[in-house]
Protein backbone atom coordinates (compact mmCIF):
# COMPACT_ATOMS: atom_id res chain seq x y z
CA MET A 1 -18.37 122.17 69.08
CA LYS A 2 -16.01 122.82 72.11
CA ALA A 3 -13.84 120.36 73.49
CA SER A 4 -9.93 120.09 75.18
CA PHE A 5 -8.59 117.92 72.43
CA PRO A 6 -7.04 115.10 74.85
CA HIS A 7 -10.52 114.34 75.80
CA PHE A 8 -10.73 112.05 72.62
CA LEU A 9 -7.34 110.03 74.00
CA LEU A 10 -8.80 110.01 77.16
CA ALA A 11 -12.08 108.86 75.94
CA LEU A 12 -10.99 106.15 74.17
CA GLY A 13 -9.35 104.97 77.28
CA LEU A 14 -11.97 104.83 79.12
CA ALA A 15 -14.11 102.95 76.07
CA LEU A 16 -11.30 100.59 76.52
CA PRO A 17 -11.29 99.12 80.21
CA GLY A 18 -8.40 98.73 81.76
CA THR A 19 -6.28 100.17 79.07
CA ALA A 20 -6.67 102.96 69.07
CA VAL A 21 -5.54 102.40 62.30
CA ALA A 22 -4.85 99.65 64.33
CA GLN A 23 -2.24 98.31 62.22
CA THR A 24 -4.12 94.82 62.68
CA GLU A 25 -5.19 93.03 65.89
CA LEU A 26 -3.56 94.45 69.08
CA GLY A 27 -6.00 92.96 71.02
CA ASN A 28 -4.84 89.53 70.14
CA PHE A 29 -0.95 89.26 72.18
CA SER A 30 -0.01 86.13 70.04
CA ALA A 31 -0.76 88.16 66.55
CA VAL A 32 1.11 91.54 67.96
CA GLY A 33 4.44 89.31 68.64
CA ARG A 34 4.28 88.20 64.93
CA GLY A 35 3.43 91.54 63.76
CA GLY A 36 0.17 91.19 62.69
CA VAL A 37 0.73 87.87 61.22
CA ILE A 38 -2.61 85.66 62.01
CA ASN A 39 -4.60 84.66 58.94
CA THR A 40 -3.20 80.66 59.22
CA PHE A 41 -2.71 81.03 63.02
CA ALA A 42 -5.59 81.48 64.51
CA GLN A 43 -8.10 78.90 65.98
CA GLY A 44 -10.94 78.83 67.88
CA TYR A 45 -11.85 82.50 68.97
CA GLN A 46 -9.48 83.90 67.76
CA ALA A 47 -10.63 83.42 64.04
CA ILE A 48 -13.17 85.64 64.61
CA GLY A 49 -12.69 88.89 62.47
CA ILE A 50 -9.79 87.53 60.70
CA ASN A 51 -10.77 84.20 58.76
CA PRO A 52 -13.93 82.10 59.74
CA ALA A 53 -13.37 79.33 57.98
CA ASN A 54 -10.22 78.41 60.39
CA LEU A 55 -13.32 77.37 62.84
CA GLY A 56 -14.05 74.35 60.98
CA ARG A 57 -10.18 72.98 60.63
CA SER A 58 -9.42 70.06 62.01
CA GLY A 59 -7.36 69.45 64.85
CA ALA A 60 -9.14 72.70 66.45
CA PRO A 61 -9.61 72.52 70.35
CA LEU A 62 -12.70 71.46 71.92
CA VAL A 63 -12.86 74.78 73.87
CA SER A 64 -10.82 77.85 73.99
CA PHE A 65 -11.80 81.21 75.64
CA THR A 66 -9.86 84.06 76.92
CA ILE A 67 -11.00 87.00 79.05
CA GLY A 68 -9.42 90.54 78.91
CA GLU A 69 -6.73 90.41 75.80
CA PHE A 70 -5.61 94.08 75.52
CA GLY A 71 -3.53 96.19 73.54
CA ALA A 72 -2.21 99.61 72.92
CA GLY A 73 0.03 100.99 70.26
CA ALA A 74 1.22 105.01 69.32
CA ALA A 75 3.16 105.57 66.17
CA SER A 76 4.69 108.22 63.95
CA ARG A 77 6.07 108.27 60.52
CA THR A 78 7.44 111.75 60.80
CA LEU A 79 8.25 112.75 64.14
CA THR A 80 11.00 112.48 66.45
CA LYS A 81 11.16 110.91 69.52
CA ASP A 82 11.41 114.05 71.56
CA ILE A 83 8.71 115.39 69.69
CA PHE A 84 6.74 112.21 70.01
CA LYS A 85 7.44 112.28 73.46
CA ASN A 86 6.22 116.11 74.32
CA ILE A 87 3.15 115.68 72.22
CA ILE A 88 1.80 112.77 73.87
CA THR A 89 2.34 114.09 77.09
CA SER A 90 1.02 117.49 76.00
CA ASP A 91 4.51 119.45 77.37
CA SER A 92 3.33 123.16 78.81
CA GLN A 93 6.31 124.71 77.93
CA PRO A 94 5.49 127.96 75.35
CA LEU A 95 6.85 126.93 72.01
CA THR A 96 10.02 128.71 70.51
CA PRO A 97 10.05 130.50 67.38
CA GLY A 98 12.90 127.89 65.82
CA GLN A 99 10.32 124.81 67.51
CA ARG A 100 7.35 125.99 65.66
CA THR A 101 9.28 125.87 62.56
CA GLU A 102 10.44 122.21 63.28
CA LEU A 103 6.75 121.42 64.49
CA VAL A 104 5.38 122.26 61.14
CA ASN A 105 7.85 120.08 59.60
CA ALA A 106 7.57 117.65 61.84
CA LEU A 107 3.60 117.75 61.63
CA SER A 108 3.71 117.40 57.42
CA GLY A 109 2.94 113.56 56.75
CA PRO A 110 0.21 111.55 55.64
CA ASP A 111 1.26 109.39 58.98
CA VAL A 112 1.94 112.06 62.06
CA LEU A 113 0.09 109.74 64.40
CA ASN A 114 -1.31 106.66 64.48
CA LEU A 115 -2.98 105.60 68.05
CA ASN A 116 -4.63 102.44 68.85
CA LEU A 117 -6.30 100.87 71.71
CA ASP A 118 -7.96 97.73 71.12
CA GLY A 119 -9.00 94.47 73.21
CA THR A 120 -10.96 91.78 73.77
CA THR A 121 -13.24 91.52 76.60
CA LEU A 122 -14.37 87.78 76.30
CA GLY A 123 -14.08 85.02 73.69
CA LEU A 124 -15.65 81.69 73.53
CA ALA A 125 -15.18 79.22 70.73
CA VAL A 126 -16.47 75.50 70.64
CA SER A 127 -16.01 72.66 68.18
CA LEU A 128 -19.14 70.84 67.49
CA PRO A 129 -19.13 67.05 67.49
CA ASN A 130 -19.65 64.86 63.93
CA GLY A 131 -18.17 67.12 62.04
CA LEU A 132 -20.67 69.80 62.39
CA GLY A 133 -17.55 72.28 62.62
CA GLY A 134 -16.82 75.04 64.85
CA ILE A 135 -18.69 77.92 66.55
CA ALA A 136 -17.26 81.29 68.18
CA ILE A 137 -18.72 84.33 70.15
CA SER A 138 -16.71 87.48 71.14
CA ASN A 139 -16.71 91.12 72.35
CA ARG A 140 -14.36 93.29 71.03
CA LEU A 141 -13.43 97.01 71.63
CA ARG A 142 -11.88 98.49 68.71
CA ASN A 143 -10.39 102.20 69.16
CA SER A 144 -8.02 104.14 66.58
CA LEU A 145 -7.11 107.65 66.11
CA HIS A 146 -4.75 108.65 62.59
CA LEU A 147 -3.67 112.09 61.89
CA GLY A 148 -2.09 113.13 58.52
CA LEU A 149 -1.39 116.49 57.73
CA ASN A 150 -0.49 118.21 54.34
CA PRO A 151 2.22 121.18 55.06
CA ASN A 152 -0.61 123.84 55.12
CA ALA A 153 -2.52 121.71 57.53
CA ALA A 154 -0.03 121.58 59.78
CA ASP A 155 1.54 125.34 59.76
CA ILE A 156 -2.51 125.87 60.59
CA LEU A 157 -2.17 123.56 63.03
CA VAL A 158 0.83 125.07 64.60
CA ASN A 159 -0.02 129.01 63.39
CA GLY A 160 -3.57 129.32 63.31
CA GLN A 161 -3.85 132.90 61.68
CA ASN A 162 -0.69 133.17 61.18
CA ALA A 163 -0.12 130.16 58.93
CA ALA A 164 1.29 130.91 55.30
CA ILE A 165 -1.67 130.33 53.03
CA VAL A 166 -4.17 132.25 55.67
CA LYS A 167 -2.16 135.67 55.82
CA GLN A 168 -2.01 135.34 52.04
CA TYR A 169 -5.32 135.72 51.69
CA TYR A 170 -6.15 137.47 55.02
CA PRO A 171 -3.09 139.78 55.87
CA THR A 172 -4.89 141.54 58.71
CA PRO A 173 -5.03 139.36 61.99
CA ASN A 174 -8.62 138.79 63.19
CA THR A 175 -8.02 140.01 67.15
CA GLY A 176 -11.87 140.67 67.65
CA SER A 177 -14.99 138.26 68.07
CA THR A 178 -16.76 139.72 64.86
CA PRO A 179 -15.89 137.15 61.90
CA THR A 180 -13.65 138.81 59.18
CA PRO A 181 -15.84 138.49 55.76
CA THR A 182 -14.32 135.28 53.36
CA ASN A 183 -12.01 136.42 50.57
CA PRO A 184 -13.97 135.57 47.32
CA ASN A 185 -10.44 134.67 45.86
CA ALA A 186 -9.43 132.40 48.56
CA PRO A 187 -9.63 128.49 47.85
CA LEU A 188 -11.62 125.91 48.50
CA VAL A 189 -10.62 124.12 51.91
CA SER A 190 -10.55 120.75 49.87
CA THR A 191 -7.48 122.23 47.88
CA VAL A 192 -6.36 123.90 50.60
CA LEU A 193 -5.77 120.94 52.86
CA ASP A 194 -5.55 117.99 49.94
CA GLY A 195 -3.81 115.07 51.28
CA THR A 196 -5.19 115.69 54.89
CA SER A 197 -7.03 113.24 57.06
CA ILE A 198 -8.06 113.20 60.50
CA GLN A 199 -9.94 110.17 61.36
CA LEU A 200 -10.89 108.58 65.09
CA ALA A 201 -13.03 105.74 65.23
CA SER A 202 -14.35 104.06 68.53
CA THR A 203 -16.86 100.55 68.41
CA SER A 204 -17.60 98.10 70.73
CA GLU A 205 -18.60 94.74 68.41
CA TYR A 206 -20.12 91.50 69.31
CA SER A 207 -19.94 88.95 67.31
CA LEU A 208 -20.92 85.11 65.81
CA SER A 209 -18.63 83.11 63.63
CA TYR A 210 -18.89 79.58 62.45
CA GLY A 211 -16.86 77.54 60.14
CA VAL A 212 -17.21 74.16 58.64
CA GLU A 213 -15.13 71.39 56.87
CA VAL A 214 -16.37 71.28 53.54
CA LEU A 215 -14.20 68.91 51.47
CA SER A 216 -11.60 66.09 53.16
CA LYS A 217 -10.16 64.13 50.64
CA ASP A 218 -6.81 62.61 51.15
CA ALA A 219 -4.20 65.20 52.47
CA LEU A 220 -6.60 68.20 51.00
CA HIS A 221 -8.65 69.69 53.48
CA ILE A 222 -11.04 72.62 52.71
CA SER A 223 -12.88 74.76 54.94
CA VAL A 224 -15.41 77.86 54.48
CA GLY A 225 -16.60 80.09 57.29
CA ALA A 226 -19.04 83.44 57.84
CA GLY A 227 -19.18 85.45 60.76
CA TYR A 228 -21.74 88.02 62.04
CA ARG A 229 -21.07 91.27 64.27
CA TYR A 230 -23.54 94.06 66.25
CA ILE A 231 -21.43 96.90 66.52
CA GLN A 232 -21.99 99.70 68.76
CA GLY A 233 -20.57 103.03 67.62
CA LEU A 234 -18.76 105.04 70.60
CA GLY A 235 -17.46 107.95 68.44
CA ILE A 236 -16.45 108.26 64.93
CA VAL A 237 -14.39 111.61 63.41
CA ASP A 238 -13.67 111.83 59.52
CA VAL A 239 -12.58 114.41 57.75
CA ARG A 240 -10.39 113.77 54.57
CA ALA A 241 -9.52 116.04 51.91
CA GLU A 242 -8.87 114.18 48.64
CA SER A 243 -8.63 115.05 44.76
CA GLY A 244 -10.53 118.40 45.32
CA SER A 245 -13.63 117.13 47.47
CA LEU A 246 -14.17 117.19 50.95
CA TYR A 247 -15.59 114.79 53.22
CA ALA A 248 -16.25 115.72 56.89
CA PHE A 249 -18.35 114.54 59.80
CA THR A 250 -18.11 113.93 63.47
CA ALA A 251 -20.34 111.61 65.79
CA LEU A 252 -19.39 111.21 69.74
CA SER A 253 -21.20 110.04 72.53
CA PRO A 254 -21.11 111.78 75.71
CA VAL A 255 -17.88 110.27 76.92
CA PHE A 256 -16.23 112.49 75.01
CA ASP A 257 -17.23 115.44 76.74
CA ILE A 258 -18.68 117.57 74.16
CA ASP A 259 -20.07 120.91 73.98
CA TYR A 260 -21.81 121.78 70.73
CA GLY A 261 -22.54 125.32 71.64
CA ALA A 262 -25.24 126.89 69.71
CA LEU A 263 -25.52 123.61 67.02
CA SER A 264 -27.22 122.15 69.69
CA ALA A 265 -30.17 124.39 69.32
CA ASN A 266 -30.84 122.76 65.62
CA PRO A 267 -34.06 120.88 65.50
CA ASN A 268 -31.62 118.45 63.07
CA PHE A 269 -29.38 118.09 65.93
CA ASN A 270 -30.08 114.68 67.50
CA SER A 271 -28.69 115.31 70.92
CA VAL A 272 -27.72 112.67 73.11
CA ARG A 273 -26.29 113.82 76.04
CA GLU A 274 -27.01 110.69 78.61
CA SER A 275 -24.01 109.78 80.77
CA GLY A 276 -22.87 106.33 80.65
CA LEU A 277 -19.62 104.75 79.41
CA PHE A 278 -20.89 103.01 77.01
CA LYS A 279 -23.62 105.34 75.38
CA SER A 280 -24.04 104.78 71.85
CA VAL A 281 -24.58 107.10 68.90
CA GLY A 282 -24.51 104.86 66.47
CA SER A 283 -25.06 101.03 65.11
CA GLY A 284 -24.18 98.99 62.86
CA ASN A 285 -23.86 95.14 61.41
CA GLY A 286 -20.75 93.55 60.25
CA PHE A 287 -20.14 90.48 57.90
CA ASP A 288 -17.24 88.57 57.43
CA LEU A 289 -16.36 85.62 54.84
CA GLY A 290 -13.55 83.36 54.58
CA VAL A 291 -12.17 79.98 52.97
CA ALA A 292 -9.10 77.99 54.78
CA VAL A 293 -7.51 75.40 52.55
CA GLU A 294 -5.08 72.67 54.29
CA ALA A 295 -2.47 70.80 52.05
CA GLY A 296 -0.10 68.18 52.59
CA LYS A 297 0.68 67.62 56.74
CA GLY A 298 1.34 71.26 57.03
CA LEU A 299 1.10 73.32 54.42
CA ARG A 300 -1.56 75.94 54.70
CA PHE A 301 -3.70 78.81 53.05
CA GLY A 302 -6.31 81.16 53.95
CA ALA A 303 -8.17 83.92 52.50
CA SER A 304 -11.18 86.56 53.86
CA VAL A 305 -12.75 89.83 53.46
CA THR A 306 -13.94 91.10 56.78
CA ASP A 307 -15.82 94.12 58.19
CA LEU A 308 -18.32 94.36 55.18
CA GLY A 309 -21.49 96.15 56.01
CA ASN A 310 -22.25 99.65 57.27
CA MET A 311 -22.82 101.99 59.72
CA THR A 312 -25.53 104.37 60.56
CA TRP A 313 -24.55 107.11 63.13
CA THR A 314 -27.83 109.14 64.51
CA GLY A 315 -26.77 110.96 67.68
CA ASN A 316 -24.56 113.90 67.68
CA VAL A 317 -24.19 113.96 63.81
CA VAL A 318 -22.14 117.14 62.46
CA THR A 319 -21.08 117.37 58.73
CA ALA A 320 -19.33 120.05 56.85
CA ASN A 321 -19.00 120.63 53.27
CA ASP A 322 -16.46 122.46 51.21
CA GLN A 323 -15.98 126.11 51.38
CA ARG A 324 -13.72 128.93 50.42
CA LEU A 325 -10.72 129.33 53.33
CA GLN A 326 -11.95 131.69 55.65
CA GLN A 327 -9.88 133.89 58.21
CA LEU A 328 -9.14 131.93 61.27
CA GLN A 329 -9.60 133.16 64.75
CA SER A 330 -7.59 130.41 66.25
CA GLN A 331 -4.12 131.40 67.24
CA GLY A 332 -2.28 128.23 67.05
CA ALA A 333 -0.42 126.11 69.22
CA THR A 334 0.93 127.72 72.05
CA THR A 335 3.02 124.56 73.67
CA TYR A 336 3.12 121.32 72.16
CA ASP A 337 -0.28 120.30 72.96
CA ILE A 338 -1.31 120.70 69.22
CA PHE A 339 -4.25 118.55 70.37
CA SER A 340 -6.34 121.58 71.89
CA SER A 341 -5.39 123.31 68.89
CA LEU A 342 -6.82 120.84 66.83
CA ALA A 343 -10.26 120.72 68.61
CA ASP A 344 -9.99 124.60 68.15
CA GLN A 345 -10.61 123.54 64.17
CA PHE A 346 -13.71 121.80 65.42
CA ASP A 347 -15.46 124.40 67.46
CA THR A 348 -19.07 125.78 66.07
CA ASP A 349 -19.33 128.71 67.95
CA LYS A 350 -16.06 129.97 66.01
CA GLN A 351 -14.54 131.21 62.73
CA THR A 352 -12.45 128.11 61.36
CA LEU A 353 -11.44 126.04 58.45
CA PHE A 354 -14.82 124.33 58.74
CA THR A 355 -19.08 125.65 59.09
CA TYR A 356 -21.35 123.08 60.70
CA GLU A 357 -24.48 121.73 60.05
CA ALA A 358 -26.57 119.30 61.73
CA ALA A 359 -27.75 116.26 60.54
CA LYS A 360 -30.23 113.74 61.70
CA GLU A 361 -27.80 110.47 60.58
CA ARG A 362 -25.08 109.59 58.58
CA LYS A 363 -24.19 106.17 56.91
CA ALA A 364 -20.62 105.31 56.29
CA ALA A 365 -19.38 102.10 55.46
CA LEU A 366 -17.10 99.81 57.67
CA PRO A 367 -13.61 99.58 57.33
CA GLY A 368 -13.67 96.71 54.75
CA LYS A 369 -10.24 94.35 54.37
CA PHE A 370 -9.04 91.49 51.92
CA ARG A 371 -6.82 89.03 53.90
CA PHE A 372 -4.56 86.44 52.66
CA GLY A 373 -2.31 84.07 54.24
CA ALA A 374 0.05 81.51 53.87
CA GLY A 375 1.59 79.16 56.55
CA MET A 376 3.86 76.20 57.27
CA ARG A 377 3.70 73.91 60.50
CA VAL A 378 7.20 72.74 60.02
CA SER A 379 6.79 70.71 63.10
CA ASN A 380 5.04 70.94 66.94
CA LEU A 381 8.02 73.38 67.80
CA LEU A 382 7.95 75.65 64.32
CA GLU A 383 4.87 77.11 62.58
CA VAL A 384 6.13 80.19 59.66
CA GLY A 385 3.27 82.08 57.96
CA LEU A 386 2.87 85.27 55.63
CA ASP A 387 0.08 87.77 55.67
CA VAL A 388 -1.29 90.36 52.99
CA THR A 389 -3.90 92.64 54.32
CA THR A 390 -5.20 95.06 51.65
CA PRO A 391 -7.70 97.60 52.83
CA LEU A 392 -10.85 98.10 50.84
CA ASN A 393 -11.87 101.77 51.76
CA LYS A 394 -10.51 104.41 53.41
CA VAL A 395 -13.04 105.03 56.06
CA ALA A 396 -12.04 105.91 59.68
CA GLY A 397 -10.59 102.76 61.42
CA ASN A 398 -9.32 101.31 58.40
CA LEU A 399 -5.51 100.48 57.72
CA THR A 400 -4.12 103.67 55.48
CA SER A 401 -2.10 101.23 53.13
CA PRO A 402 -1.91 97.35 52.94
CA PHE A 403 0.04 95.51 55.19
CA VAL A 404 2.49 92.70 54.74
CA GLY A 405 4.12 90.64 57.22
CA VAL A 406 6.06 87.12 57.98
CA GLY A 407 5.76 85.81 60.89
CA VAL A 408 7.27 82.61 63.11
CA ASP A 409 6.32 80.76 66.20
CA PHE A 410 8.72 78.83 67.83
CA LYS A 411 9.08 76.75 71.20
CA PRO A 412 12.58 76.40 72.56
CA VAL A 413 11.91 75.01 75.47
CA SER A 414 8.62 73.16 76.87
CA GLY A 415 6.33 75.75 78.19
CA VAL A 416 7.36 78.83 76.12
CA ARG A 417 6.51 79.86 73.08
CA LEU A 418 8.64 82.69 71.32
CA SER A 419 7.21 84.45 68.37
CA SER A 420 8.71 87.01 66.03
CA GLY A 421 9.15 88.18 62.43
CA VAL A 422 9.05 91.23 59.99
CA SER A 423 6.04 93.45 59.00
CA GLY A 424 5.69 96.80 57.04
CA GLY A 425 2.47 99.06 55.38
CA ALA A 426 -0.58 99.60 57.23
CA GLY A 427 1.17 103.47 57.94
CA TYR A 428 3.96 102.20 59.33
CA GLY A 429 7.62 101.18 58.55
CA THR A 430 9.43 98.19 59.06
CA ASN A 431 8.85 96.22 61.97
CA LEU A 432 10.67 94.14 64.43
CA PRO A 433 8.14 92.29 66.30
CA LEU A 434 9.10 89.98 69.67
CA GLY A 435 6.62 88.38 71.70
CA ILE A 436 6.73 85.21 74.68
CA THR A 437 4.24 83.35 75.59
CA PHE A 438 4.01 80.58 78.51
CA VAL A 439 2.07 77.56 77.46
CA THR A 440 0.45 74.49 79.19
CA SER A 441 -1.74 72.17 78.16
CA VAL A 442 -4.84 74.19 79.04
CA TRP A 443 -3.78 77.66 79.62
CA GLU A 444 -1.66 80.57 78.30
CA ALA A 445 -0.08 84.18 79.05
CA GLY A 446 1.76 86.45 77.18
CA PHE A 447 2.58 89.87 75.87
CA SER A 448 4.45 90.95 73.19
CA THR A 449 5.18 94.29 71.08
CA ARG A 450 4.77 95.03 67.51
CA ASP A 451 8.13 96.79 66.62
CA VAL A 452 11.28 96.47 69.01
CA LEU A 453 13.29 99.25 67.10
CA GLY A 454 10.48 101.82 67.28
CA LEU A 455 10.72 101.52 71.15
CA TYR A 456 14.41 102.98 70.74
CA SER A 457 14.04 104.56 67.58
CA ASP A 458 15.15 108.50 67.41
CA LYS A 459 13.04 108.91 64.17
CA SER A 460 9.91 107.11 63.52
CA PRO A 461 9.22 106.18 67.05
CA TYR A 462 6.13 103.08 67.64
CA TYR A 463 5.84 102.14 70.93
CA SER A 464 3.17 99.29 71.33
CA VAL A 465 2.65 96.77 73.79
CA ALA A 466 0.00 93.56 74.19
CA THR A 467 -0.99 91.42 76.77
CA GLY A 468 -3.30 88.84 78.55
CA ILE A 469 -2.88 86.17 81.37
CA LEU A 470 -6.80 84.85 81.07
CA ARG A 471 -6.55 82.10 78.23
CA PHE A 472 -7.40 79.04 77.89
CA ARG A 473 -8.09 75.51 76.01
CA PHE A 474 -9.39 72.25 75.91
CA GLY A 475 -9.25 69.07 73.88
CA GLY A 476 -8.23 69.20 70.30
CA ASN A 477 -4.93 67.79 68.69
CA LYS A 478 -2.28 68.51 71.15
CA GLU A 479 0.40 68.97 68.17
CA GLU A 480 -1.59 72.05 67.36
CA GLN A 481 -1.18 73.62 70.81
């Protein structure tokens, strides 16, 4: 599989018009301004993928819709601001020996890089008459890249066949085109890379959700909801080494511009080469279930499970099994363009860490999550909430660890809503979000960032922005707006 790895990043941008383990909901600028806190705040189409039961809540707008809300985020827990910038811009200056050592150390960690590009191209929700609940549809694009490397993986990425673990078993460099025989005493790749994860996921989702109130008694209101989504798979890379086992496969759309070399001649290789921005190489079905509770005048609770289901990848599917460490043909990174060095380890025509096999299809679970939220609407000027989101599996596109956040919406003056809070987890440090929304009786527009501090931090930088200018709502309880 031959490619310059920046094609992965470029393809993510192409797959998301106008613009990547999402922290959560970068395609919703309101949620980003609260650091991802959304379970009890979400109304209308915003409830899709969060808690469909909110569609049955009383006071929801009669009609709400949006066109083109987008967000992007890039963060690292191990890189300095300068190294982060050099990597993202693929700085072409040759690395000095000291910079190589520094780069190996900086690339060692479970959350070296988390990149997300997400968006809602269209969202629409309608409250049905006579207490029949609410229904919503949307198209959302999710794109994420996660890189977590153990010290061996970082050393191999930077130094190739000169990495310490490789030279231990293959002291003679390979300067020719003939592969070096495998040393029978070399450890398994799963052992060498233990704790390493390289994950990319790109999907387009078409969703339908419904929620209805099932109990209304005095000050207690309970709603339930369910959602379904059809998912187009645009690309996936899922390589994980953990506890003595290796899990590795890829399936990438032609938009990623991959040359599969001799592997494409394998009869088991289902080649998808037709051009097209959204040419899928897989499909799947996802389901959401939720419950929402309102007690008293302003206390709210919500719980949901989202992204239940599976994907079946059927095009350009390549797998790799565990094996003993081989001599590498890669010389490693010569500049800060580590993505090209990483792509060398996915070349099917060279001796690399992996030996690839073609496959007709590969099934994989969706990035399932359990979400819980609690919130209080203090007044029509102030609302606060708490969210906890826990990943149910470790597949590509999911959170790397549980997320916890506290968020607040405040209206200091008419027509302006400020959002902030504090959040942490999900592969990120402690974040201080900030957002501003301009509000009229029918229209909203705003922008936000997930972490103000990360924009200026010399260590563990985090750059994120979300925006939307075409959000509308009609009818419903004005106090909810």
